[in-house]
């Protein structure tokens, strides 16, 4: 999948801004992206700190663009635009202070068309990456929330997708419907045909509970829609992935036992689930890939490594050429 995306974006000059330019993981990935002409990295942060990190590791960053918000020549224009976008929720002093922070500055930089996408979160929290995106980039038409998914890959195994594992803490039935639609749309763009299961500790009414009712309601609504992909729920994980269990618990289902796209009932189960798959199942987790925004803005796990930064940057750049 990553090689296919590289072919799509290589040499096209797609500009991706990195909000933590002095982080060694970011620098290592940016150097590789630059040398292989995959995309144009723009490193945000204190220029001396970025150079200090590069020198400490013996890395040559000549030719890679660095940008310190303090030195930005068009700061007055950016501040004015931020005030306009926040519609009275920021005065000039607050907007200027916000624009000096690399997460807010980077998001404004994308909003102004100076970069095609943003990747942050190596040190920032998810909230610090997503909040400016919601305030400035906003959700695209037809979307009321932002959600996320992880793509999990392993040699000789089918690619799996899990959502939402990082954004919505306790999604409602309405939210689960939207998360499902967003996730199915995303995975199709990355060449995966979704077979969706809305996960629960119950399969098709085998148990009761508030969470079961929520997931069941979302699944019922989805099944009434004219979808062009298969969906089942509420469904237990074993029934979702094991054909022999599906024959017992959901014999009439068209996708049970063969599901590859998993929608979790809340962030607890989602975050735990994808990390179990990554750590114990030896899957490589790419994400979180943010869904529902007007521009490619993506978040990194603070436990990421340079390889994960490299791949997430490629995903972010590729989203420029998709209907995200």
Protein backbone atom coordinates (compact mmCIF):
# COMPACT_ATOMS: atom_id res chain seq x y z
CA UNK A 1 0.00 0.00 0.00
CA UNK A 2 2.77 2.46 0.94
CA UNK A 3 4.66 1.75 -2.30
CA UNK A 4 1.48 2.45 -4.28
CA UNK A 5 1.03 5.76 -2.47
CA UNK A 6 4.66 6.71 -3.10
CA UNK A 7 4.11 6.20 -6.83
CA UNK A 8 1.08 8.50 -6.60
CA UNK A 9 2.91 11.41 -4.94
CA UNK A 10 6.60 11.04 -5.79
CA UNK A 11 8.11 14.09 -7.42
CA UNK A 12 4.92 16.17 -7.29
CA UNK A 13 6.22 18.63 -4.71
CA UNK A 14 3.51 17.99 -2.14
CA UNK A 15 4.30 20.18 0.86
CA UNK A 16 3.75 18.63 4.29
CA UNK A 17 4.37 20.71 7.40
CA UNK A 18 5.72 18.99 10.52
CA UNK A 19 4.85 20.72 13.78
CA UNK A 20 7.77 19.25 15.76
CA UNK A 21 10.71 19.93 13.48
CA UNK A 22 13.43 19.45 16.09
CA UNK A 23 12.28 15.97 17.14
CA UNK A 24 14.88 13.42 15.94
CA UNK A 25 12.17 11.04 14.67
CA UNK A 26 10.71 13.82 12.53
CA UNK A 27 14.11 14.87 11.25
CA UNK A 28 15.13 11.33 10.32
CA UNK A 29 11.90 10.80 8.37
CA UNK A 30 12.09 14.24 6.73
CA UNK A 31 15.62 13.59 5.48
CA UNK A 32 14.53 10.35 3.84
CA UNK A 33 11.42 11.95 2.32
CA UNK A 34 13.54 14.77 0.92
CA UNK A 35 16.35 12.61 -0.44
CA UNK A 36 13.95 10.24 -2.17
CA UNK A 37 11.95 13.19 -3.59
CA UNK A 38 8.71 11.76 -2.23
CA UNK A 39 7.38 15.04 -0.84
CA UNK A 40 8.58 18.43 0.42
CA UNK A 41 8.92 18.46 4.22
CA UNK A 42 8.61 21.80 6.02
CA UNK A 43 10.03 21.62 9.54
CA UNK A 44 8.52 24.01 12.08
CA UNK A 45 10.32 25.14 15.20
CA UNK A 46 13.32 27.01 16.50
CA UNK A 47 15.93 26.91 13.77
CA UNK A 48 18.84 26.53 16.20
CA UNK A 49 17.14 23.60 17.93
CA UNK A 50 16.47 21.89 14.60
CA UNK A 51 20.10 22.34 13.56
CA UNK A 52 21.26 21.19 16.98
CA UNK A 53 19.33 17.93 16.71
CA UNK A 54 20.64 17.37 13.19
CA UNK A 55 24.25 18.04 14.22
CA UNK A 56 23.96 15.83 17.30
CA UNK A 57 23.01 12.90 15.06
CA UNK A 58 25.41 13.77 12.24
CA UNK A 59 22.57 14.41 9.81
CA UNK A 60 22.78 16.70 6.79
CA UNK A 61 19.56 18.70 6.39
CA UNK A 62 20.77 20.99 3.62
CA UNK A 63 17.92 21.70 1.23
CA UNK A 64 15.20 20.91 3.75
CA UNK A 65 12.97 23.88 4.51
CA UNK A 66 12.82 25.04 8.13
CA UNK A 67 10.44 27.68 9.41
CA UNK A 68 10.39 29.39 12.78
CA UNK A 69 7.03 31.12 13.45
CA UNK A 70 8.87 33.99 15.16
CA UNK A 71 10.60 34.76 11.85
CA UNK A 72 7.52 34.39 9.63
CA UNK A 73 7.28 37.50 7.44
CA UNK A 74 3.53 37.29 6.92
CA UNK A 75 2.62 36.92 10.59
CA UNK A 76 0.37 40.01 10.62
CA UNK A 77 -1.67 38.58 7.76
CA UNK A 78 -1.87 35.19 9.46
CA UNK A 79 -3.03 36.77 12.72
CA UNK A 80 -5.75 38.74 10.92
CA UNK A 81 -6.96 35.61 9.14
CA UNK A 82 -6.99 33.66 12.41
CA UNK A 83 -9.13 36.35 14.05
CA UNK A 84 -11.52 36.18 11.10
CA UNK A 85 -11.75 32.39 11.23
CA UNK A 86 -12.32 32.29 14.98
CA UNK A 87 -15.19 34.82 14.62
CA UNK A 88 -14.78 36.81 17.79
CA UNK A 89 -13.38 33.98 19.91
CA UNK A 90 -9.86 35.42 19.70
CA UNK A 91 -8.62 38.97 20.01
CA UNK A 92 -5.40 40.09 18.33
CA UNK A 93 -3.20 39.31 21.33
CA UNK A 94 -4.63 35.81 21.69
CA UNK A 95 -4.39 35.13 17.96
CA UNK A 96 -0.77 36.26 17.81
CA UNK A 97 0.15 34.08 20.79
CA UNK A 98 -1.59 31.10 19.19
CA UNK A 99 0.14 31.64 15.85
CA UNK A 100 3.53 31.45 17.53
CA UNK A 101 2.78 27.87 18.60
CA UNK A 102 3.81 25.42 15.91
CA UNK A 103 0.61 23.34 16.05
CA UNK A 104 -1.63 26.37 15.46
CA UNK A 105 0.85 28.02 13.07
CA UNK A 106 1.11 24.83 11.01
CA UNK A 107 -2.65 24.51 10.73
CA UNK A 108 -2.94 28.14 9.62
CA UNK A 109 -0.12 27.53 7.14
CA UNK A 110 -2.24 24.78 5.55
CA UNK A 111 -5.36 26.92 5.70
CA UNK A 112 -3.57 29.73 3.85
CA UNK A 113 -2.53 27.31 1.10
CA UNK A 114 1.18 27.45 1.93
CA UNK A 115 1.28 23.69 2.58
CA UNK A 116 -0.84 20.78 1.42
CA UNK A 117 -1.12 18.97 4.73
CA UNK A 118 0.10 18.71 8.31
CA UNK A 119 1.55 15.95 10.45
CA UNK A 120 1.94 16.43 14.19
CA UNK A 121 1.66 14.64 17.48
CA UNK A 122 5.17 13.27 18.09
CA UNK A 123 5.19 15.40 21.25
CA UNK A 124 1.85 17.22 21.03
CA UNK A 125 -1.25 15.47 22.35
CA UNK A 126 -3.98 14.39 19.94
CA UNK A 127 -6.15 17.22 21.27
CA UNK A 128 -3.41 19.76 20.49
CA UNK A 129 -3.30 18.53 16.90
CA UNK A 130 -7.03 18.12 16.32
CA UNK A 131 -8.32 21.25 18.08
CA UNK A 132 -6.71 23.78 15.67
CA UNK A 133 -7.87 21.64 12.75
CA UNK A 134 -11.47 21.79 13.97
CA UNK A 135 -11.20 25.53 14.61
CA UNK A 136 -9.52 26.49 11.34
CA UNK A 137 -9.77 23.72 8.73
CA UNK A 138 -13.21 22.51 9.90
CA UNK A 139 -15.17 19.45 8.81
CA UNK A 140 -15.98 18.97 5.16
CA UNK A 141 -19.61 19.22 3.99
CA UNK A 142 -21.79 16.34 5.11
CA UNK A 143 -19.63 15.57 8.13
CA UNK A 144 -20.50 16.61 11.68
CA UNK A 145 -17.56 14.96 13.45
CA UNK A 146 -13.91 14.09 12.91
CA UNK A 147 -12.91 10.49 13.50
CA UNK A 148 -9.87 8.32 12.92
CA UNK A 149 -8.80 4.89 11.79
CA UNK A 150 -5.66 2.78 11.91
CA UNK A 151 -4.52 0.58 9.06
CA UNK A 152 -2.84 -2.59 10.34
CA UNK A 153 -0.50 -4.51 8.06
CA UNK A 154 1.56 -7.67 8.43
CA UNK A 155 3.42 -9.83 5.92
CA UNK A 156 1.27 -12.59 4.44
CA UNK A 157 -1.81 -11.37 6.33
CA UNK A 158 -4.84 -9.43 5.20
CA UNK A 159 -4.74 -5.71 5.89
CA UNK A 160 -7.10 -4.75 8.71
CA UNK A 161 -8.66 -1.41 9.63
CA UNK A 162 -9.78 -0.22 13.07
CA UNK A 163 -11.72 2.90 14.03
CA UNK A 164 -12.27 5.08 15.94
CA UNK A 165 -9.28 4.52 18.22
CA UNK A 166 -8.12 8.03 19.07
CA UNK A 167 -10.71 10.83 18.73
CA UNK A 168 -14.28 10.20 19.92
CA UNK A 169 -14.35 9.08 23.56
CA UNK A 170 -17.89 7.72 23.80
CA UNK A 171 -19.57 8.06 20.40
CA UNK A 172 -23.35 8.03 20.14
CA UNK A 173 -25.24 5.79 17.73
CA UNK A 174 -25.31 8.74 15.30
CA UNK A 175 -21.54 9.11 15.69
CA UNK A 176 -20.96 5.39 15.09
CA UNK A 177 -22.91 5.61 11.84
CA UNK A 178 -20.75 8.51 10.68
CA UNK A 179 -17.52 6.85 11.88
CA UNK A 180 -18.46 3.73 9.91
CA UNK A 181 -19.17 5.68 6.73
CA UNK A 182 -15.99 7.75 7.08
CA UNK A 183 -13.84 4.70 7.74
CA UNK A 184 -15.28 2.70 4.83
CA UNK A 185 -14.65 5.71 2.57
CA UNK A 186 -11.05 6.05 3.78
CA UNK A 187 -10.09 2.41 3.42
CA UNK A 188 -11.50 2.24 -0.10
CA UNK A 189 -9.26 5.14 -1.07
CA UNK A 190 -6.29 3.13 0.13
CA UNK A 191 -7.25 0.15 -2.00
CA UNK A 192 -9.02 -1.94 0.63
CA UNK A 193 -12.55 -3.24 0.10
CA UNK A 194 -14.33 -2.81 3.46
CA UNK A 195 -16.24 -5.59 5.17
CA UNK A 196 -17.42 -3.85 8.31
CA UNK A 197 -18.26 -5.11 11.77
CA UNK A 198 -19.58 -2.93 14.60
CA UNK A 199 -18.01 -4.60 17.61
CA UNK A 200 -19.64 -5.39 20.94
CA UNK A 201 -19.66 -8.00 23.69
CA UNK A 202 -22.90 -9.21 22.10
CA UNK A 203 -23.73 -10.74 18.73
CA UNK A 204 -27.11 -9.89 17.23
CA UNK A 205 -28.95 -9.65 20.53
CA UNK A 206 -27.15 -12.37 22.51
CA UNK A 207 -26.58 -9.96 25.43
CA UNK A 208 -28.11 -6.77 26.76
CA UNK A 209 -26.72 -3.45 27.93
CA UNK A 210 -26.50 0.23 27.15
CA UNK A 211 -23.47 -0.18 24.91
CA UNK A 212 -25.05 -3.12 23.10
CA UNK A 213 -28.18 -1.09 22.41
CA UNK A 214 -26.10 1.80 21.05
CA UNK A 215 -24.10 -0.39 18.68
CA UNK A 216 -27.21 -2.29 17.60
CA UNK A 217 -29.01 0.96 16.80
CA UNK A 218 -26.09 2.18 14.69
CA UNK A 219 -25.87 -1.14 12.83
CA UNK A 220 -29.61 -1.18 12.21
CA UNK A 221 -29.47 2.30 10.68
CA UNK A 222 -26.54 1.35 8.47
CA UNK A 223 -28.30 -1.77 7.20
CA UNK A 224 -31.23 0.39 6.11
CA UNK A 225 -28.94 2.56 3.98
CA UNK A 226 -28.17 1.82 0.32
CA UNK A 227 -24.56 0.89 1.12
CA UNK A 228 -22.18 -0.63 -1.41
CA UNK A 229 -20.24 -2.53 1.24
CA UNK A 230 -21.16 -5.23 3.73
CA UNK A 231 -21.81 -4.39 7.38
CA UNK A 232 -22.74 -6.45 10.43
CA UNK A 233 -23.50 -5.62 14.03
CA UNK A 234 -23.62 -5.74 16.82
CA UNK A 235 -21.00 -8.49 16.63
CA UNK A 236 -18.36 -10.04 18.88
CA UNK A 237 -14.78 -10.11 17.66
CA UNK A 238 -14.56 -13.90 17.37
CA UNK A 239 -17.71 -13.97 15.27
CA UNK A 240 -16.30 -11.17 13.12
CA UNK A 241 -13.10 -12.98 12.18
CA UNK A 242 -13.67 -16.74 12.62
CA UNK A 243 -15.91 -18.42 9.98
CA UNK A 244 -16.59 -21.38 12.26
CA UNK A 245 -17.90 -19.07 14.99
CA UNK A 246 -19.89 -17.00 12.50
CA UNK A 247 -21.71 -20.15 11.33
CA UNK A 248 -22.97 -20.64 14.88
CA UNK A 249 -23.65 -17.06 15.96
CA UNK A 250 -24.57 -15.28 12.71
CA UNK A 251 -25.36 -17.94 10.09
CA UNK A 252 -27.29 -15.57 7.83
CA UNK A 253 -24.66 -12.81 7.77
CA UNK A 254 -22.88 -12.08 4.50
CA UNK A 255 -19.71 -10.71 6.15
CA UNK A 256 -19.45 -12.29 9.63
CA UNK A 257 -16.34 -14.41 9.92
CA UNK A 258 -14.63 -12.45 7.17
CA UNK A 259 -14.64 -8.88 8.50
CA UNK A 260 -11.61 -6.65 7.90
CA UNK A 261 -12.87 -3.25 9.12
CA UNK A 262 -13.69 -3.01 12.82
CA UNK A 263 -15.71 -0.19 14.40
CA UNK A 264 -15.31 -0.01 18.18
CA UNK A 265 -18.05 1.18 20.57
CA UNK A 266 -15.77 3.65 22.38
CA UNK A 267 -12.21 4.92 22.54
CA UNK A 268 -11.26 2.61 25.41
CA UNK A 269 -11.91 -0.54 23.42
CA UNK A 270 -10.57 0.97 20.19
CA UNK A 271 -7.28 2.17 21.62
CA UNK A 272 -6.74 -1.08 23.52
CA UNK A 273 -7.73 -3.17 20.51
CA UNK A 274 -5.37 -1.69 17.95
CA UNK A 275 -2.45 -1.72 20.40
CA UNK A 276 -3.04 -5.39 21.21
CA UNK A 277 -2.99 -6.13 17.49
CA UNK A 278 0.21 -4.12 17.07
CA UNK A 279 2.12 -5.37 20.11
CA UNK A 280 0.97 -8.98 20.44
CA UNK A 281 -0.25 -9.64 16.91
CA UNK A 282 2.87 -8.07 15.37
CA UNK A 283 0.82 -5.88 13.03
CA UNK A 284 2.25 -2.57 11.90
CA UNK A 285 -0.23 0.18 12.80
CA UNK A 286 -0.34 3.16 10.44
CA UNK A 287 -2.29 6.04 11.90
CA UNK A 288 -4.29 7.54 13.32
CA UNK A 289 -5.57 8.72 9.94
CA UNK A 290 -7.99 11.57 10.58
CA UNK A 291 -11.29 11.56 8.69
CA UNK A 292 -13.87 14.22 7.94
CA UNK A 293 -11.64 17.31 7.66
CA UNK A 294 -11.36 19.73 4.75
CA UNK A 295 -7.60 19.19 4.43
CA UNK A 296 -5.07 16.43 5.23
CA UNK A 297 -4.27 16.87 8.93
CA UNK A 298 -2.93 13.79 10.71
CA UNK A 299 -1.83 12.88 14.21
CA UNK A 300 1.08 10.73 15.33
CA UNK A 301 1.28 8.52 18.37
CA UNK A 302 3.77 9.96 20.86
CA UNK A 303 5.35 6.49 20.90
CA UNK A 304 5.99 6.59 17.14
CA UNK A 305 9.33 5.88 15.50
CA UNK A 306 10.91 7.43 12.40
CA UNK A 307 9.57 4.70 10.12
CA UNK A 308 6.01 5.40 11.28
CA UNK A 309 6.54 9.14 10.74
CA UNK A 310 7.83 8.40 7.23
CA UNK A 311 4.76 6.33 6.33
CA UNK A 312 2.25 8.69 7.93
CA UNK A 313 3.77 11.58 5.99
CA UNK A 314 3.22 9.61 2.78
CA UNK A 315 -0.39 8.89 3.77
CA UNK A 316 -0.93 12.59 4.54
CA UNK A 317 0.53 13.69 1.21
CA UNK A 318 -1.55 11.10 -0.67
CA UNK A 319 -4.74 12.46 0.87
CA UNK A 320 -4.21 15.65 -1.12
CA UNK A 321 -5.08 13.69 -4.26
CA UNK A 322 -8.11 12.00 -2.73
CA UNK A 323 -11.58 13.13 -1.80
CA UNK A 324 -10.73 13.06 1.90
